[in-house]
Amino acid sequence: MKVRVLFLATALLMASSATNANDRLKNVPIPERSESAIGFVPDGWYIEKSVVGDLNKDGLADLAIIIRQNDPSLIIESDGFGRDTYDCNPRTILVLLKESGGGYLQIARNDQIIPVPGSATMDDPIDNASDGSLTIKNGVLRLNIHFWSSAGTWFMFNRTFSFRMQGAQLVLIGYDNYHVHRGSGELKTVSINYLTRRMKTENGSIEDEHVPEMWSKIRRKPLIPFASIGDGYDFDPDDY
């Protein structure tokens, strides 16, 4: 079940803010090539996080960067709940391959996967791009996002999306979701390996010493391109 179905009031705020922010991205020009990371950053934006690693196994240091708009009008005053203000400036992830002759080639972009907060009661989904939110290790790009709100829902979760180059395309190879009800302690986890087509699920309580694992096979489908994944809060494996 999608999280936004579970808390409609918060959902409307989140969806409205995300739609308005992501609409701003449609006409933002970002070059295909540049000599440096800063060359991919449009006016009025900045690099929030940059990670280095070899994604295509050519021995060169590739980049993944989170860029964020810096528009003061998107710093929203709260309605008396939560923090005094919250930041609705959208983020985009760019994946840049280092070229042997110098400079970088943009091979993937996603404007939606990092959600836009829709309320002052909500945590930032990536903790202001702190270490661990975006990583490259052993050729795998991972994005970690979380959801927690002080009002409107008892649910919280952490999600990890894992991507790897498949030919010339960056695709989703793994998905992990750790979902908890803070009131009841109900625990649900899902871990999917899209390469082996195996899925592990756990259903229990955070108080359980041992939560039984259930393994199953998922249907063979084309691997999901990086750019095709929408809002990370709305991601549902059954939709792909």
Foldseek 3Di string as FASTA:
>chain_A
DFPCVVFVVQNVLQVVLQVVQLVVVPPFDADQWDQDPVNRAGPQKDWQDKEWDAQPPPPDIWIKTKMWGNDPVQFAAAPPDADRTFGSIWIKIWTWDADPVGTTGTLDMARAALGGRRHNQKDRFCNSVPPPQWYADPNKIKGKTKIDGPDRFQKIKIKMWIWGDDDSFIFTQKIKMWMARNPPQWTWIWIAGLVVQKIKIWTDGPPDPDTDIDMDGHDNDPTHTPHRDHYNSRDDVVVD
